[in-house]
C-alpha cells in the first residue's frame, strides 16, 4: 500500500473527521463535536493522526501524551478499508510519536463490546488489563 499517507490533522480537516467517525468509529464520545476536536488540535497539533489512501480519509487515531502517559483514542478505519494495514500504520506512527516524546507505555480505550477492535489491538501487541476499570464523570453542563 504505497499510496498510504499518514499526517497530522489540520483545522480544515475537522468536519471531515467528525463525519468519518460517524461511519468508521464504534460508539460516540462526549467530545465528538467541532469544539472538542478544535481544542484537541489547538492544544496538541500532532495528536490527531490521519491516514489517507488515494486522496481519501481512510483512518484516524488520537495519540495523546500528557507528559506522563501515552493514550490512544479513536482508532478508526473506514469499513471498506479494513484489513489493509491502515490501523497498523496509524499505530506505528502514534508509537513513534510517543517514543520521540519520551513515552514509556501506550494504553488504549476500547469498548468491551467491540470484538473487531479487540482483534486489531491484540494483533498490534496490546493486551487487555482486566484488573483496571475506567471511572468517568462528565464535566460542565
N, C-alpha and C. Protein backbone atom coordinates (compact mmCIF):
# COMPACT_ATOMS: atom_id res chain seq x y z
N UNK A 1 0.85 -1.18 0.00
CA UNK A 1 0.00 0.00 0.00
C UNK A 1 0.89 1.23 0.00
N UNK A 2 1.48 1.53 -1.11
CA UNK A 2 2.44 2.62 -1.19
C UNK A 2 1.79 3.99 -1.24
N UNK A 3 0.49 4.05 -1.50
CA UNK A 3 -0.19 5.34 -1.58
C UNK A 3 -0.73 5.81 -0.23
N UNK A 4 -0.48 5.05 0.83
CA UNK A 4 -0.95 5.43 2.15
C UNK A 4 -0.10 6.57 2.69
N UNK A 5 -0.77 7.60 3.17
CA UNK A 5 -0.08 8.77 3.73
C UNK A 5 -0.62 9.02 5.13
N UNK A 6 0.28 9.12 6.10
CA UNK A 6 -0.09 9.45 7.48
C UNK A 6 0.34 10.88 7.72
N UNK A 7 -0.59 11.69 8.25
CA UNK A 7 -0.26 13.09 8.53
C UNK A 7 -1.07 13.58 9.72
N UNK A 8 -0.69 14.74 10.24
CA UNK A 8 -1.42 15.37 11.33
C UNK A 8 -2.64 16.09 10.77
N UNK A 9 -3.71 16.08 11.52
CA UNK A 9 -4.92 16.78 11.10
C UNK A 9 -4.72 18.29 11.20
N UNK A 10 -5.34 18.99 10.29
CA UNK A 10 -5.37 20.44 10.29
C UNK A 10 -6.80 20.89 10.62
N UNK A 11 -6.95 22.12 10.99
CA UNK A 11 -8.28 22.64 11.31
C UNK A 11 -9.25 22.43 10.15
N UNK A 12 -8.78 22.55 8.92
CA UNK A 12 -9.64 22.36 7.75
C UNK A 12 -10.14 20.93 7.62
N UNK A 13 -9.52 19.97 8.29
CA UNK A 13 -9.90 18.56 8.22
C UNK A 13 -11.01 18.18 9.19
N UNK A 14 -11.30 19.02 10.16
CA UNK A 14 -12.09 18.57 11.31
C UNK A 14 -13.51 18.18 10.98
N UNK A 15 -14.18 18.89 10.09
CA UNK A 15 -15.54 18.49 9.72
C UNK A 15 -15.54 17.12 9.04
N UNK A 16 -14.56 16.88 8.19
CA UNK A 16 -14.45 15.58 7.53
C UNK A 16 -14.16 14.48 8.54
N UNK A 17 -13.34 14.77 9.54
CA UNK A 17 -13.03 13.79 10.58
C UNK A 17 -14.28 13.44 11.36
N UNK A 18 -15.03 14.43 11.76
CA UNK A 18 -16.27 14.18 12.51
C UNK A 18 -17.25 13.34 11.70
N UNK A 19 -17.40 13.64 10.43
CA UNK A 19 -18.27 12.85 9.56
C UNK A 19 -17.73 11.43 9.41
N UNK A 20 -16.42 11.30 9.28
CA UNK A 20 -15.78 10.00 9.15
C UNK A 20 -16.06 9.13 10.37
N UNK A 21 -15.94 9.69 11.56
CA UNK A 21 -16.17 8.93 12.78
C UNK A 21 -17.59 8.37 12.84
N UNK A 22 -18.55 9.06 12.27
CA UNK A 22 -19.93 8.55 12.27
C UNK A 22 -20.04 7.27 11.45
N UNK A 23 -19.18 7.11 10.46
CA UNK A 23 -19.19 5.92 9.62
C UNK A 23 -18.23 4.85 10.12
N UNK A 24 -17.06 5.27 10.59
CA UNK A 24 -15.97 4.31 10.84
C UNK A 24 -15.72 3.99 12.31
N UNK A 25 -16.12 4.85 13.22
CA UNK A 25 -15.80 4.64 14.64
C UNK A 25 -16.96 3.95 15.34
N UNK A 26 -16.62 3.16 16.33
CA UNK A 26 -17.62 2.47 17.15
C UNK A 26 -17.97 3.38 18.32
N UNK A 27 -19.23 3.66 18.50
CA UNK A 27 -19.66 4.49 19.62
C UNK A 27 -19.38 5.96 19.37
N UNK A 28 -19.78 6.77 20.33
CA UNK A 28 -19.54 8.21 20.26
C UNK A 28 -18.91 8.66 21.57
N UNK A 29 -18.29 9.80 21.50
CA UNK A 29 -17.64 10.39 22.66
C UNK A 29 -18.29 11.72 22.97
N UNK A 30 -18.21 12.12 24.21
CA UNK A 30 -18.73 13.41 24.63
C UNK A 30 -18.01 14.56 23.91
N UNK A 31 -16.82 14.29 23.38
CA UNK A 31 -16.02 15.31 22.70
C UNK A 31 -16.15 15.24 21.18
N UNK A 32 -17.07 14.45 20.66
CA UNK A 32 -17.25 14.31 19.21
C UNK A 32 -18.06 15.48 18.65
N UNK A 33 -17.49 16.66 18.76
CA UNK A 33 -18.08 17.84 18.14
C UNK A 33 -16.96 18.78 17.71
N UNK A 34 -17.31 19.76 16.95
CA UNK A 34 -16.31 20.67 16.39
C UNK A 34 -15.46 21.31 17.49
N UNK A 35 -16.12 21.80 18.55
CA UNK A 35 -15.38 22.46 19.63
C UNK A 35 -14.39 21.51 20.29
N UNK A 36 -14.81 20.27 20.55
CA UNK A 36 -13.94 19.31 21.20
C UNK A 36 -12.71 18.98 20.38
N UNK A 37 -12.91 18.75 19.08
CA UNK A 37 -11.77 18.39 18.23
C UNK A 37 -10.89 19.60 17.95
N UNK A 38 -11.49 20.79 17.84
CA UNK A 38 -10.68 22.01 17.68
C UNK A 38 -9.78 22.22 18.89
N UNK A 39 -10.31 21.97 20.08
CA UNK A 39 -9.49 22.12 21.31
C UNK A 39 -8.32 21.16 21.29
N UNK A 40 -8.58 19.92 20.88
CA UNK A 40 -7.51 18.93 20.80
C UNK A 40 -6.40 19.41 19.88
N UNK A 41 -6.76 19.81 18.68
CA UNK A 41 -5.76 20.21 17.67
C UNK A 41 -5.05 21.50 18.08
N UNK A 42 -5.77 22.42 18.74
CA UNK A 42 -5.14 23.66 19.19
C UNK A 42 -4.13 23.37 20.31
N UNK A 43 -4.48 22.46 21.22
CA UNK A 43 -3.60 22.15 22.35
C UNK A 43 -2.41 21.30 21.93
N UNK A 44 -2.66 20.34 21.04
CA UNK A 44 -1.61 19.42 20.62
C UNK A 44 -1.77 19.14 19.12
N UNK A 45 -1.18 19.97 18.28
CA UNK A 45 -1.39 19.86 16.82
C UNK A 45 -0.94 18.55 16.20
N UNK A 46 -0.15 17.76 16.91
CA UNK A 46 0.32 16.48 16.35
C UNK A 46 -0.45 15.28 16.88
N UNK A 47 -1.45 15.48 17.72
CA UNK A 47 -2.12 14.35 18.37
C UNK A 47 -3.08 13.60 17.44
N UNK A 48 -3.78 14.30 16.59
CA UNK A 48 -4.76 13.64 15.72
C UNK A 48 -4.09 13.27 14.41
N UNK A 49 -3.90 11.96 14.21
CA UNK A 49 -3.25 11.45 13.01
C UNK A 49 -4.30 10.95 12.03
N UNK A 50 -4.09 11.28 10.77
CA UNK A 50 -4.99 10.84 9.70
C UNK A 50 -4.24 9.94 8.74
N UNK A 51 -4.93 8.92 8.27
CA UNK A 51 -4.41 8.06 7.21
C UNK A 51 -5.22 8.36 5.96
N UNK A 52 -4.53 8.70 4.88
CA UNK A 52 -5.18 8.96 3.61
C UNK A 52 -4.73 7.92 2.59
N UNK A 53 -5.67 7.42 1.85
CA UNK A 53 -5.38 6.44 0.80
C UNK A 53 -6.11 6.89 -0.45
N UNK A 54 -5.35 7.04 -1.52
CA UNK A 54 -5.91 7.53 -2.79
C UNK A 54 -6.64 8.86 -2.60
N UNK A 55 -6.08 9.72 -1.73
CA UNK A 55 -6.64 11.05 -1.52
C UNK A 55 -7.86 11.10 -0.63
N UNK A 56 -8.28 9.96 -0.07
CA UNK A 56 -9.46 9.93 0.80
C UNK A 56 -9.07 9.57 2.22
N UNK A 57 -9.82 10.09 3.18
CA UNK A 57 -9.60 9.75 4.57
C UNK A 57 -9.94 8.28 4.77
N UNK A 58 -8.98 7.50 5.24
CA UNK A 58 -9.17 6.06 5.41
C UNK A 58 -9.10 5.64 6.87
N UNK A 59 -8.48 6.46 7.74
CA UNK A 59 -8.36 6.09 9.13
C UNK A 59 -7.89 7.24 10.00
N UNK A 60 -8.11 7.08 11.31
CA UNK A 60 -7.69 8.09 12.29
C UNK A 60 -7.19 7.41 13.55
N UNK A 61 -6.39 8.12 14.30
CA UNK A 61 -6.10 7.76 15.68
C UNK A 61 -5.69 9.05 16.40
N UNK A 62 -6.08 9.15 17.64
CA UNK A 62 -5.61 10.24 18.50
C UNK A 62 -4.51 9.66 19.37
N UNK A 63 -3.33 10.25 19.30
CA UNK A 63 -2.16 9.83 20.06
C UNK A 63 -1.83 10.93 21.06
N UNK A 64 -2.48 10.89 22.21
CA UNK A 64 -2.31 11.94 23.21
C UNK A 64 -1.24 11.59 24.22
N UNK A 65 -0.41 12.55 24.53
CA UNK A 65 0.63 12.37 25.55
C UNK A 65 0.53 13.54 26.52
N UNK A 66 0.36 13.22 27.80
CA UNK A 66 0.20 14.28 28.80
C UNK A 66 1.47 14.53 29.60
N UNK A 67 2.59 13.97 29.13
CA UNK A 67 3.85 14.10 29.85
C UNK A 67 4.09 12.95 30.81
N UNK A 68 3.05 12.17 31.07
CA UNK A 68 3.14 11.05 31.99
C UNK A 68 2.77 9.74 31.31
N UNK A 69 1.65 9.75 30.61
CA UNK A 69 1.15 8.55 29.95
C UNK A 69 0.85 8.83 28.48
N UNK A 70 0.88 7.77 27.72
CA UNK A 70 0.56 7.82 26.28
C UNK A 70 -0.81 7.18 26.09
N UNK A 71 -1.75 7.93 25.55
CA UNK A 71 -3.12 7.46 25.42
C UNK A 71 -3.54 7.43 23.95
N UNK A 72 -4.20 6.36 23.57
CA UNK A 72 -4.70 6.20 22.20
C UNK A 72 -6.22 6.20 22.21
N UNK A 73 -6.79 7.00 21.34
CA UNK A 73 -8.24 7.10 21.22
C UNK A 73 -8.60 7.13 19.73
N UNK A 74 -9.82 6.80 19.45
CA UNK A 74 -10.42 6.98 18.13
C UNK A 74 -9.62 6.34 17.00
N UNK A 75 -9.08 5.12 17.27
CA UNK A 75 -8.52 4.34 16.17
C UNK A 75 -9.71 3.87 15.35
N UNK A 76 -9.82 4.37 14.15
CA UNK A 76 -10.96 4.04 13.29
C UNK A 76 -10.47 3.91 11.86
N UNK A 77 -10.94 2.90 11.18
CA UNK A 77 -10.64 2.68 9.77
C UNK A 77 -11.96 2.51 9.04
N UNK A 78 -12.07 3.14 7.89
CA UNK A 78 -13.30 3.03 7.12
C UNK A 78 -13.61 1.55 6.86
N UNK A 79 -14.87 1.15 7.02
CA UNK A 79 -15.21 -0.27 6.84
C UNK A 79 -14.74 -0.88 5.52
N UNK A 80 -14.72 -0.14 4.44
CA UNK A 80 -14.25 -0.67 3.15
C UNK A 80 -12.73 -0.82 3.10
N UNK A 81 -12.01 -0.20 4.03
CA UNK A 81 -10.55 -0.19 4.01
C UNK A 81 -9.93 -1.06 5.10
N UNK A 82 -10.74 -1.78 5.84
CA UNK A 82 -10.20 -2.58 6.94
C UNK A 82 -9.42 -3.77 6.41
N UNK A 83 -8.50 -4.26 7.25
CA UNK A 83 -7.64 -5.42 6.95
C UNK A 83 -6.69 -5.13 5.79
N UNK A 84 -6.27 -3.87 5.67
CA UNK A 84 -5.31 -3.47 4.64
C UNK A 84 -4.05 -2.86 5.25
N UNK A 85 -3.90 -2.92 6.56
CA UNK A 85 -2.71 -2.39 7.22
C UNK A 85 -2.80 -0.94 7.64
N UNK A 86 -3.96 -0.33 7.50
CA UNK A 86 -4.10 1.09 7.84
C UNK A 86 -4.00 1.30 9.34
N UNK A 87 -4.71 0.49 10.12
CA UNK A 87 -4.63 0.62 11.59
C UNK A 87 -3.20 0.39 12.07
N UNK A 88 -2.53 -0.59 11.50
CA UNK A 88 -1.14 -0.86 11.88
C UNK A 88 -0.24 0.34 11.58
N UNK A 89 -0.44 0.96 10.44
CA UNK A 89 0.36 2.13 10.07
C UNK A 89 0.07 3.30 11.00
N UNK A 90 -1.19 3.51 11.36
CA UNK A 90 -1.54 4.58 12.29
C UNK A 90 -0.93 4.32 13.66
N UNK A 91 -1.01 3.09 14.15
CA UNK A 91 -0.44 2.78 15.45
C UNK A 91 1.08 2.91 15.45
N UNK A 92 1.72 2.51 14.37
CA UNK A 92 3.17 2.68 14.28
C UNK A 92 3.54 4.16 14.34
N UNK A 93 2.79 5.01 13.64
CA UNK A 93 3.06 6.46 13.68
C UNK A 93 2.83 7.02 15.08
N UNK A 94 1.76 6.56 15.74
CA UNK A 94 1.47 7.02 17.10
C UNK A 94 2.58 6.58 18.06
N UNK A 95 3.00 5.34 17.95
CA UNK A 95 4.04 4.83 18.84
C UNK A 95 5.38 5.55 18.60
N UNK A 96 5.68 5.85 17.34
CA UNK A 96 6.89 6.63 17.05
C UNK A 96 6.81 8.00 17.72
N UNK A 97 5.66 8.61 17.67
CA UNK A 97 5.46 9.91 18.32
C UNK A 97 5.70 9.79 19.82
N UNK A 98 5.12 8.77 20.43
CA UNK A 98 5.28 8.59 21.87
C UNK A 98 6.74 8.40 22.26
N UNK A 99 7.47 7.58 21.53
CA UNK A 99 8.87 7.34 21.82
C UNK A 99 9.65 8.65 21.69
N UNK A 100 9.38 9.41 20.65
CA UNK A 100 10.05 10.69 20.43
C UNK A 100 9.80 11.65 21.61
N UNK A 101 8.61 11.57 22.21
CA UNK A 101 8.26 12.45 23.32
C UNK A 101 8.71 11.91 24.68
N UNK A 102 9.27 10.70 24.71
CA UNK A 102 9.74 10.11 25.96
C UNK A 102 8.74 9.20 26.62
N UNK A 103 7.68 8.84 25.92
CA UNK A 103 6.67 7.94 26.49
C UNK A 103 7.22 6.55 26.71
N UNK A 104 6.67 5.86 27.70
CA UNK A 104 7.16 4.53 28.07
C UNK A 104 6.14 3.42 27.85
N UNK A 105 4.86 3.75 27.82
CA UNK A 105 3.83 2.74 27.62
C UNK A 105 2.60 3.41 27.04
N UNK A 106 2.00 2.77 26.08
CA UNK A 106 0.77 3.29 25.48
C UNK A 106 -0.42 2.49 25.97
N UNK A 107 -1.51 3.19 26.19
CA UNK A 107 -2.76 2.49 26.52
C UNK A 107 -3.85 2.96 25.57
N UNK A 108 -4.85 2.11 25.43
CA UNK A 108 -5.95 2.41 24.51
C UNK A 108 -7.27 2.17 25.21
N UNK A 109 -8.23 3.03 24.91
CA UNK A 109 -9.59 2.82 25.39
C UNK A 109 -10.35 2.10 24.29
N UNK A 110 -10.86 0.90 24.62
CA UNK A 110 -11.54 0.06 23.64
C UNK A 110 -12.85 -0.41 24.26
N UNK A 111 -13.93 -0.23 23.54
CA UNK A 111 -15.23 -0.66 24.05
C UNK A 111 -15.25 -2.18 24.25
N UNK A 112 -15.80 -2.62 25.34
CA UNK A 112 -15.88 -4.04 25.66
C UNK A 112 -16.62 -4.80 24.57
N UNK A 113 -17.67 -4.22 24.02
CA UNK A 113 -18.50 -4.92 23.02
C UNK A 113 -17.88 -4.95 21.62
N UNK A 114 -16.77 -4.24 21.40
CA UNK A 114 -16.20 -4.10 20.06
C UNK A 114 -15.20 -5.23 19.78
N UNK A 115 -15.71 -6.40 19.46
CA UNK A 115 -14.86 -7.57 19.23
C UNK A 115 -13.90 -7.38 18.07
N UNK A 116 -14.33 -6.67 17.04
CA UNK A 116 -13.45 -6.41 15.89
C UNK A 116 -12.22 -5.63 16.35
N UNK A 117 -12.43 -4.65 17.20
CA UNK A 117 -11.31 -3.85 17.71
C UNK A 117 -10.40 -4.69 18.60
N UNK A 118 -10.97 -5.59 19.38
CA UNK A 118 -10.15 -6.43 20.26
C UNK A 118 -9.13 -7.21 19.42
N UNK A 119 -9.57 -7.74 18.31
CA UNK A 119 -8.67 -8.48 17.42
C UNK A 119 -7.56 -7.56 16.89
N UNK A 120 -7.94 -6.37 16.44
CA UNK A 120 -6.96 -5.43 15.87
C UNK A 120 -5.93 -5.02 16.92
N UNK A 121 -6.39 -4.69 18.13
CA UNK A 121 -5.46 -4.27 19.18
C UNK A 121 -4.55 -5.43 19.58
N UNK A 122 -5.10 -6.63 19.69
CA UNK A 122 -4.28 -7.79 20.03
C UNK A 122 -3.23 -8.07 18.97
N UNK A 123 -3.62 -7.95 17.70
CA UNK A 123 -2.67 -8.17 16.61
C UNK A 123 -1.54 -7.15 16.63
N UNK A 124 -1.81 -5.98 17.18
CA UNK A 124 -0.80 -4.93 17.26
C UNK A 124 0.07 -5.06 18.51
N UNK A 125 -0.18 -6.09 19.33
CA UNK A 125 0.65 -6.32 20.50
C UNK A 125 0.10 -5.76 21.80
N UNK A 126 -1.11 -5.24 21.80
CA UNK A 126 -1.72 -4.70 23.01
C UNK A 126 -2.48 -5.80 23.73
N UNK A 127 -2.54 -5.72 25.06
CA UNK A 127 -3.24 -6.71 25.87
C UNK A 127 -4.25 -6.01 26.76
N UNK A 128 -5.41 -6.63 26.92
CA UNK A 128 -6.42 -6.10 27.84
C UNK A 128 -5.93 -6.29 29.28
N UNK A 129 -6.17 -5.32 30.11
CA UNK A 129 -5.84 -5.42 31.52
C UNK A 129 -7.16 -5.46 32.30
N UNK A 130 -7.63 -6.63 32.56
CA UNK A 130 -8.93 -6.81 33.18
C UNK A 130 -9.00 -6.28 34.61
N UNK A 131 -7.85 -6.10 35.26
CA UNK A 131 -7.86 -5.63 36.64
C UNK A 131 -8.15 -4.14 36.77
N UNK A 132 -8.20 -3.41 35.65
CA UNK A 132 -8.44 -1.97 35.69
C UNK A 132 -9.85 -1.65 35.23
N UNK A 133 -10.43 -0.65 35.78
CA UNK A 133 -11.72 -0.10 35.35
C UNK A 133 -11.56 1.38 35.12
N UNK A 134 -12.23 1.86 34.15
CA UNK A 134 -12.23 3.31 33.89
C UNK A 134 -13.37 3.93 34.68
N UNK A 135 -13.08 5.01 35.36
CA UNK A 135 -14.10 5.75 36.11
C UNK A 135 -14.25 7.10 35.42
N UNK A 136 -15.47 7.51 35.17
CA UNK A 136 -15.69 8.74 34.41
C UNK A 136 -16.70 9.64 35.12
N UNK A 137 -16.56 10.92 34.85
CA UNK A 137 -17.51 11.92 35.33
C UNK A 137 -17.56 13.03 34.29
N UNK A 138 -18.69 13.21 33.61
CA UNK A 138 -18.80 14.32 32.67
C UNK A 138 -18.64 15.66 33.43
N UNK A 139 -17.96 16.59 32.83
CA UNK A 139 -17.70 17.89 33.45
C UNK A 139 -18.53 18.97 32.78
N UNK A 140 -18.86 19.99 33.53
CA UNK A 140 -19.63 21.10 32.99
C UNK A 140 -21.07 20.69 32.75
N UNK A 141 -21.86 21.58 32.27
CA UNK A 141 -23.25 21.36 31.88
C UNK A 141 -23.89 20.27 32.52
